[in-house]
């Protein structure tokens, strides 16, 4: 079985084609600048040179048509005909309360996606455009939606409600939804395999750390708490997102800087986080380099990040009890040796210790804790695309 996985942004499209018998990626690619001058597709197949198409792509339908052209290209493609594609899995960001699992897409699913566009105005419409393009060009193939919010729909009410009048939850569905669910779900399944323990008995804290970051408390194989909220803005300090702050900061900026709601949203999402604190970069590699050169703001930004992770990590361990593993994943979690060390400082008092030699790794799957550590500390590379492909395969 061959499954195509598509992840649409507002002006971009990532794709991978999987051979599900081997669970291997046959090809992966990226379409950039959809609807913008300079559109191009870059496709990679192992053992071949990169295949590039530079043509105008005015919308996602056109972009998807070029994806199909690249997949079937006689010299650079990997399939002879589109009929070889058995299903298409789409990454969707927000399914709200109405969708708690991956689903075959029908009119009801589309209706829910449109309803929750109010909470994901940049992502949900783009996800729909990619879907509609596939429906038009592959009319006989089933499409599956895999939602970032779905894994967190097992959270108890005390963890997803906000401390505001309940009528606003009833009227607007204002609550914590959580994101990175596909990644946290993959980590949960993979760690249960690595620990040789049934998923429904696994307790862990999944630390997805990257430009966008979130932690997830997993108890008995299910999400019971997570750091992101109504939108991906809540929680940890991130690359350009503020994370947790006093809500009065918003009204203060509006009053004193004469900012509109859109301007405040833009400030907190695009110009805050470690970028705003450091004034250097949202890339943690740049910050670590600046820190080594004595940049105090970069140092403060990195310490803010590790300290917020540390606080949530300790709290989540108390929530889930009997923690089997602390798992680092995502670009920073998998690759930043120093950040993992900084985050785990202080946990020695609870008997949780990392081995500095074992921690000297990037990516892959590793146990980095000492033999006598009371909880295993692990690095596990996430694979959201494979998770989407597996869910698609199971449903079709």
Protein backbone atom coordinates (compact mmCIF):
# COMPACT_ATOMS: atom_id res chain seq x y z
CA UNK A 1 0.00 0.00 0.00
CA UNK A 2 1.24 3.49 -0.89
CA UNK A 3 0.11 6.48 1.20
CA UNK A 4 0.70 10.11 0.28
CA UNK A 5 1.02 12.49 3.23
CA UNK A 6 0.36 16.18 2.64
CA UNK A 7 0.96 19.08 5.03
CA UNK A 8 -0.29 22.42 3.68
CA UNK A 9 0.66 25.85 4.95
CA UNK A 10 -0.76 29.13 3.70
CA UNK A 11 1.89 29.40 0.95
CA UNK A 12 3.72 26.07 1.21
CA UNK A 13 3.11 22.33 0.87
CA UNK A 14 5.22 19.47 2.23
CA UNK A 15 4.68 15.93 1.01
CA UNK A 16 5.99 12.39 1.48
CA UNK A 17 5.00 9.16 -0.25
CA UNK A 18 5.25 6.04 1.95
CA UNK A 19 5.55 2.39 1.05
CA UNK A 20 3.59 1.06 4.01
CA UNK A 21 4.74 -2.56 3.65
CA UNK A 22 8.24 -1.40 4.61
CA UNK A 23 7.13 1.82 6.37
CA UNK A 24 9.70 3.63 4.24
CA UNK A 25 9.67 7.04 2.59
CA UNK A 26 9.83 6.65 -1.18
CA UNK A 27 10.05 10.36 -1.89
CA UNK A 28 9.64 13.67 -0.10
CA UNK A 29 9.26 17.20 -1.33
CA UNK A 30 8.42 20.81 -0.64
CA UNK A 31 6.48 23.37 -2.64
CA UNK A 32 7.33 26.98 -1.72
CA UNK A 33 5.78 30.37 -2.44
CA UNK A 34 2.35 29.17 -3.57
CA UNK A 35 0.47 32.20 -4.89
CA UNK A 36 3.66 34.27 -4.75
CA UNK A 37 6.17 35.08 -7.45
CA UNK A 38 9.00 32.56 -7.55
CA UNK A 39 7.01 29.38 -6.85
CA UNK A 40 9.02 26.17 -6.95
CA UNK A 41 8.88 22.49 -6.10
CA UNK A 42 11.89 20.60 -4.72
CA UNK A 43 11.67 16.81 -4.65
CA UNK A 44 14.17 14.39 -3.10
CA UNK A 45 14.57 10.69 -3.81
CA UNK A 46 17.41 8.77 -2.18
CA UNK A 47 20.18 8.11 -4.68
CA UNK A 48 18.99 10.77 -7.12
CA UNK A 49 19.71 14.46 -7.62
CA UNK A 50 17.11 16.92 -6.35
CA UNK A 51 14.30 17.46 -8.87
CA UNK A 52 13.17 21.07 -9.12
CA UNK A 53 10.13 22.55 -10.88
CA UNK A 54 10.11 26.35 -11.10
CA UNK A 55 6.73 27.42 -12.47
CA UNK A 56 3.95 29.74 -11.41
CA UNK A 57 1.65 28.06 -8.87
CA UNK A 58 -1.22 30.43 -8.28
CA UNK A 59 -3.03 28.18 -5.78
CA UNK A 60 -2.85 24.85 -3.94
CA UNK A 61 -4.68 23.00 -6.73
CA UNK A 62 -1.91 23.96 -9.13
CA UNK A 63 0.75 23.08 -6.54
CA UNK A 64 -0.77 19.62 -5.98
CA UNK A 65 -0.91 19.05 -9.75
CA UNK A 66 2.85 19.67 -9.92
CA UNK A 67 3.38 17.31 -6.96
CA UNK A 68 1.60 14.59 -8.93
CA UNK A 69 3.64 15.48 -12.02
CA UNK A 70 6.85 15.12 -10.00
CA UNK A 71 5.78 11.81 -8.42
CA UNK A 72 5.14 10.28 -11.85
CA UNK A 73 8.03 11.90 -13.74
CA UNK A 74 9.73 9.20 -15.83
CA UNK A 75 13.27 10.08 -14.71
CA UNK A 76 12.75 11.62 -11.27
CA UNK A 77 9.50 10.10 -10.00
CA UNK A 78 8.84 6.92 -8.02
CA UNK A 79 5.50 5.71 -9.40
CA UNK A 80 4.28 5.11 -12.94
CA UNK A 81 0.71 6.23 -12.42
CA UNK A 82 -1.39 8.07 -9.82
CA UNK A 83 -3.56 4.95 -9.49
CA UNK A 84 -0.73 3.50 -7.38
CA UNK A 85 -1.64 5.95 -4.56
CA UNK A 86 -4.04 4.13 -2.21
CA UNK A 87 -4.85 6.98 0.14
CA UNK A 88 -3.94 10.54 1.12
CA UNK A 89 -3.35 11.60 4.71
CA UNK A 90 -3.66 15.30 5.51
CA UNK A 91 -2.29 17.09 8.53
CA UNK A 92 -5.03 19.32 9.95
CA UNK A 93 -4.32 21.68 12.82
CA UNK A 94 -7.60 22.26 14.66
CA UNK A 95 -10.52 19.86 15.00
CA UNK A 96 -11.86 21.34 18.23
CA UNK A 97 -14.05 19.19 20.46
CA UNK A 98 -15.94 17.63 17.58
CA UNK A 99 -13.07 15.49 16.25
CA UNK A 100 -11.18 13.38 18.77
CA UNK A 101 -9.43 11.01 16.37
CA UNK A 102 -8.21 10.68 12.80
CA UNK A 103 -11.13 10.38 10.36
CA UNK A 104 -11.97 9.73 6.72
CA UNK A 105 -12.97 13.13 5.39
CA UNK A 106 -16.63 13.80 4.63
CA UNK A 107 -18.87 16.86 4.65
CA UNK A 108 -19.24 16.77 8.45
CA UNK A 109 -15.46 16.82 8.91
CA UNK A 110 -15.14 19.76 6.51
CA UNK A 111 -17.88 21.59 8.42
CA UNK A 112 -16.01 21.12 11.72
CA UNK A 113 -12.73 22.29 10.16
CA UNK A 114 -14.44 25.46 8.91
CA UNK A 115 -16.04 26.04 12.32
CA UNK A 116 -12.71 25.86 14.14
CA UNK A 117 -10.98 28.12 11.62
CA UNK A 118 -11.78 30.86 14.17
CA UNK A 119 -8.98 29.38 16.33
CA UNK A 120 -6.57 28.51 13.48
CA UNK A 121 -7.17 31.16 10.79
CA UNK A 122 -3.80 30.63 9.09
CA UNK A 123 -3.75 26.83 9.13
CA UNK A 124 -7.24 25.36 8.72
CA UNK A 125 -8.09 27.17 5.44
CA UNK A 126 -4.74 26.10 3.93
CA UNK A 127 -5.32 22.50 5.07
CA UNK A 128 -8.73 22.57 3.36
CA UNK A 129 -7.24 23.91 0.14
CA UNK A 130 -4.81 21.00 -0.02
CA UNK A 131 -7.66 18.56 0.61
CA UNK A 132 -9.90 20.07 -2.10
CA UNK A 133 -7.01 19.95 -4.58
CA UNK A 134 -6.54 16.21 -3.91
CA UNK A 135 -10.28 15.55 -4.18
CA UNK A 136 -10.33 17.27 -7.56
CA UNK A 137 -7.25 15.56 -8.97
CA UNK A 138 -7.67 12.13 -7.30
CA UNK A 139 -11.47 11.76 -7.21
CA UNK A 140 -11.49 8.03 -6.43
CA UNK A 141 -8.97 8.06 -3.57
CA UNK A 142 -9.98 8.37 0.08
CA UNK A 143 -8.63 11.31 2.10
CA UNK A 144 -7.95 11.10 5.83
CA UNK A 145 -7.62 14.02 8.25
CA UNK A 146 -5.16 13.70 11.14
CA UNK A 147 -5.60 16.51 13.66
CA UNK A 148 -2.95 18.12 15.88
CA UNK A 149 -5.64 18.60 18.55
CA UNK A 150 -7.10 15.08 18.49
CA UNK A 151 -4.66 13.29 20.81
CA UNK A 152 -5.41 15.81 23.58
CA UNK A 153 -9.18 15.27 23.59
CA UNK A 154 -8.71 12.80 26.46
CA UNK A 155 -7.74 15.66 28.82
CA UNK A 156 -10.01 15.90 31.88
CA UNK A 157 -12.14 19.01 32.30
CA UNK A 158 -10.04 20.34 35.17
CA UNK A 159 -7.06 20.51 32.82
CA UNK A 160 -8.70 22.01 29.76
CA UNK A 161 -11.02 24.62 31.27
CA UNK A 162 -9.85 28.21 31.77
CA UNK A 163 -10.58 30.14 34.95
CA UNK A 164 -13.16 32.36 33.27
CA UNK A 165 -16.96 32.40 33.44
CA UNK A 166 -18.21 28.99 32.28
CA UNK A 167 -20.68 30.71 29.94
CA UNK A 168 -17.80 31.64 27.61
CA UNK A 169 -16.87 27.97 27.30
CA UNK A 170 -20.51 27.13 26.55
CA UNK A 171 -20.88 29.99 24.07
CA UNK A 172 -17.54 29.99 22.25
CA UNK A 173 -15.84 26.69 23.19
CA UNK A 174 -13.03 28.69 24.79
CA UNK A 175 -10.76 26.07 26.36
CA UNK A 176 -7.35 24.46 26.08
CA UNK A 177 -7.05 22.20 23.02
CA UNK A 178 -3.33 21.53 22.75
CA UNK A 179 -1.23 20.93 19.63
CA UNK A 180 1.66 18.75 18.40
CA UNK A 181 -0.75 15.89 19.10
CA UNK A 182 0.47 13.80 16.18
CA UNK A 183 4.05 14.03 17.47
CA UNK A 184 3.08 13.26 21.08
CA UNK A 185 0.99 10.31 19.86
CA UNK A 186 3.90 8.94 17.84
CA UNK A 187 6.26 9.29 20.81
CA UNK A 188 3.80 7.49 23.09
CA UNK A 189 3.42 4.56 20.66
CA UNK A 190 7.16 4.35 19.97
CA UNK A 191 8.20 4.52 23.63
CA UNK A 192 5.71 1.77 24.52
CA UNK A 193 7.45 -0.38 21.89
CA UNK A 194 10.94 0.51 23.12
CA UNK A 195 9.99 -0.19 26.74
CA UNK A 196 8.11 -3.35 25.69
CA UNK A 197 5.13 -2.16 27.69
CA UNK A 198 1.48 -1.99 26.52
CA UNK A 199 0.61 1.56 25.45
CA UNK A 200 -2.38 1.67 27.82
CA UNK A 201 0.05 1.23 30.73
CA UNK A 202 2.68 3.76 29.67
CA UNK A 203 3.19 6.96 31.70
CA UNK A 204 5.56 9.57 30.29
CA UNK A 205 6.22 13.23 29.67
CA UNK A 206 6.79 13.99 26.00
CA UNK A 207 8.92 17.12 25.46
CA UNK A 208 8.50 18.30 21.86
CA UNK A 209 11.02 21.14 21.74
CA UNK A 210 11.61 23.20 18.61
CA UNK A 211 10.79 26.64 17.27
CA UNK A 212 7.31 25.74 18.45
CA UNK A 213 7.43 23.74 21.70
CA UNK A 214 5.03 21.85 23.92
CA UNK A 215 5.06 19.25 26.68
CA UNK A 216 2.44 16.54 27.07
CA UNK A 217 1.63 14.52 30.18
CA UNK A 218 0.68 10.99 29.11
CA UNK A 219 -1.02 8.72 31.66
CA UNK A 220 -1.99 5.17 30.73
CA UNK A 221 -1.21 5.96 27.10
CA UNK A 222 -3.47 9.02 26.90
CA UNK A 223 -2.88 12.76 27.01
CA UNK A 224 -4.10 14.23 30.29
CA UNK A 225 -2.41 17.64 30.07
CA UNK A 226 -0.38 19.74 27.65
CA UNK A 227 1.21 23.18 27.59
CA UNK A 228 -0.32 24.71 24.45
CA UNK A 229 -3.86 26.00 24.80
CA UNK A 230 -6.69 27.47 22.75
CA UNK A 231 -3.99 28.26 20.21
CA UNK A 232 -0.28 27.33 20.00
CA UNK A 233 0.60 30.60 21.78
CA UNK A 234 0.14 29.32 25.34
CA UNK A 235 2.76 27.45 27.34
CA UNK A 236 6.51 27.56 26.92
CA UNK A 237 8.56 30.51 25.68
CA UNK A 238 9.23 29.57 22.06
CA UNK A 239 11.13 30.80 19.02
CA UNK A 240 8.89 33.78 18.34
CA UNK A 241 5.89 33.07 20.62
CA UNK A 242 5.59 34.57 24.09
CA UNK A 243 4.11 31.55 25.85
CA UNK A 244 2.44 32.11 29.23
CA UNK A 245 1.98 35.71 30.36
CA UNK A 246 -0.35 37.81 32.48
CA UNK A 247 -3.40 38.58 30.28
CA UNK A 248 -3.15 42.20 31.42
CA UNK A 249 -0.02 42.50 29.23
CA UNK A 250 -2.38 42.40 26.24
CA UNK A 251 -4.65 45.19 27.46
CA UNK A 252 -1.65 47.24 28.62
CA UNK A 253 -0.08 47.10 25.15
CA UNK A 254 -3.38 48.01 23.55
CA UNK A 255 -3.81 51.00 25.87
CA UNK A 256 -0.24 52.27 25.92
CA UNK A 257 0.98 51.39 22.41
CA UNK A 258 -2.39 52.00 20.71
CA UNK A 259 -2.20 48.48 19.28
CA UNK A 260 -5.17 46.67 17.74
CA UNK A 261 -6.03 43.07 18.63
CA UNK A 262 -4.44 41.92 15.36
CA UNK A 263 -1.28 43.88 16.11
CA UNK A 264 -1.00 42.42 19.63
CA UNK A 265 -1.59 38.92 18.26
CA UNK A 266 1.11 39.48 15.67
CA UNK A 267 3.52 40.80 18.31
CA UNK A 268 2.98 37.85 20.65
CA UNK A 269 3.16 35.24 17.87
CA UNK A 270 5.86 36.63 15.57
CA UNK A 271 8.11 38.99 17.52
CA UNK A 272 8.24 37.59 21.05
CA UNK A 273 9.75 34.46 22.63
CA UNK A 274 13.51 34.00 22.54
CA UNK A 275 13.72 36.26 19.50
CA UNK A 276 12.09 39.15 21.37
CA UNK A 277 14.12 38.60 24.54
CA UNK A 278 17.49 38.17 22.86
CA UNK A 279 17.14 40.47 19.87
CA UNK A 280 19.43 37.94 18.14
CA UNK A 281 17.43 35.13 16.57
CA UNK A 282 14.65 32.59 17.00
CA UNK A 283 17.16 29.84 16.12
CA UNK A 284 18.55 28.25 19.27
CA UNK A 285 21.86 27.48 17.56
CA UNK A 286 22.39 31.20 17.00
CA UNK A 287 21.47 31.89 20.63
CA UNK A 288 23.93 29.31 21.96
CA UNK A 289 26.66 30.85 19.83
CA UNK A 290 25.80 34.34 21.10
CA UNK A 291 25.67 33.03 24.68
CA UNK A 292 29.19 31.63 24.34
CA UNK A 293 30.34 35.08 23.22
CA UNK A 294 28.92 36.65 26.36
CA UNK A 295 25.60 38.01 25.05
CA UNK A 296 23.55 38.49 28.22
CA UNK A 297 20.16 38.70 26.49
CA UNK A 298 20.79 35.46 24.59
CA UNK A 299 21.82 33.88 27.90
CA UNK A 300 18.60 35.10 29.55
CA UNK A 301 16.45 33.81 26.66
CA UNK A 302 17.97 30.31 26.84
CA UNK A 303 17.63 30.21 30.63
CA UNK A 304 14.00 31.32 30.39
CA UNK A 305 13.29 28.49 27.97
CA UNK A 306 14.98 25.73 29.99
CA UNK A 307 13.43 27.00 33.23
CA UNK A 308 9.88 26.96 31.82
CA UNK A 309 10.39 23.42 30.51
CA UNK A 310 11.77 22.37 33.90
CA UNK A 311 8.72 23.75 35.77
CA UNK A 312 6.17 22.08 33.51
CA UNK A 313 8.15 18.83 33.46
CA UNK A 314 8.18 18.56 37.25
CA UNK A 315 4.48 19.40 37.46
CA UNK A 316 3.51 16.87 34.81
CA UNK A 317 5.52 14.13 36.51
CA UNK A 318 3.50 14.76 39.66
CA UNK A 319 0.26 14.63 37.63
CA UNK A 320 0.90 11.29 35.95
CA UNK A 321 2.61 9.54 38.92
CA UNK A 322 4.80 6.46 38.36
CA UNK A 323 6.55 8.07 35.40
CA UNK A 324 8.21 5.57 33.05
CA UNK A 325 10.11 8.04 30.88
CA UNK A 326 10.95 11.63 30.10
CA UNK A 327 11.29 11.88 26.32
CA UNK A 328 13.01 14.65 24.35
CA UNK A 329 11.97 15.12 20.72
CA UNK A 330 11.66 17.87 18.09
CA UNK A 331 14.52 19.87 16.59
CA UNK A 332 15.88 21.14 19.92
CA UNK A 333 14.91 18.12 21.99
CA UNK A 334 16.65 15.74 19.61
CA UNK A 335 19.73 17.82 18.85
CA UNK A 336 20.62 20.24 21.67
CA UNK A 337 22.90 18.41 24.09
CA UNK A 338 23.34 21.47 26.31
CA UNK A 339 19.61 22.27 26.49
CA UNK A 340 18.78 18.74 27.63
CA UNK A 341 21.45 19.01 30.33
CA UNK A 342 20.18 22.42 31.49
CA UNK A 343 16.58 21.20 31.69
CA UNK A 344 17.50 18.08 33.69
CA UNK A 345 19.65 19.96 36.25
CA UNK A 346 17.97 19.71 39.65
CA UNK A 347 16.14 16.47 38.97
CA UNK A 348 18.99 14.57 40.64
CA UNK A 349 17.25 15.26 43.97
CA UNK A 350 14.43 13.00 42.74
CA UNK A 351 16.86 10.29 41.67
CA UNK A 352 16.63 11.20 37.96
CA UNK A 353 20.10 11.46 36.46
CA UNK A 354 21.41 11.75 32.94
CA UNK A 355 24.70 10.25 31.80
CA UNK A 356 26.77 13.02 30.18
CA UNK A 357 28.43 10.60 27.77
CA UNK A 358 25.15 9.00 26.73
CA UNK A 359 23.63 12.48 26.31
CA UNK A 360 26.28 13.34 23.71
CA UNK A 361 23.96 12.34 20.84
CA UNK A 362 21.82 14.00 18.19
CA UNK A 363 18.66 12.44 16.80
CA UNK A 364 17.93 8.73 16.70
CA UNK A 365 16.64 6.73 19.66
CA UNK A 366 18.71 6.66 22.86
CA UNK A 367 18.40 6.21 26.61
CA UNK A 368 20.52 9.03 28.07
CA UNK A 369 19.92 8.42 31.77
CA UNK A 370 22.22 6.52 34.11
CA UNK A 371 21.61 2.87 34.98
CA UNK A 372 20.44 3.81 38.48
CA UNK A 373 18.16 6.68 37.41
CA UNK A 374 14.69 6.40 38.96
CA UNK A 375 13.11 7.40 35.62
CA UNK A 376 14.42 6.72 32.12
CA UNK A 377 15.38 9.83 30.15
CA UNK A 378 15.26 9.28 26.41
CA UNK A 379 15.85 10.95 23.07
CA UNK A 380 13.40 9.71 20.42
CA UNK A 381 13.22 11.32 16.98
CA UNK A 382 9.62 12.11 16.14
CA UNK A 383 7.99 11.11 12.87
CA UNK A 384 4.66 12.89 12.44
CA UNK A 385 4.43 11.99 8.76
CA UNK A 386 4.71 8.25 9.48
CA UNK A 387 2.05 8.61 12.18
CA UNK A 388 -0.27 10.27 9.65
CA UNK A 389 0.49 7.54 7.10
CA UNK A 390 -0.25 4.79 9.64
CA UNK A 391 -3.56 6.37 10.68
CA UNK A 392 -4.51 6.73 7.00
CA UNK A 393 -3.63 3.11 6.27
CA UNK A 394 -5.66 1.87 9.23
CA UNK A 395 -8.74 3.88 8.26
CA UNK A 396 -8.85 3.02 4.56
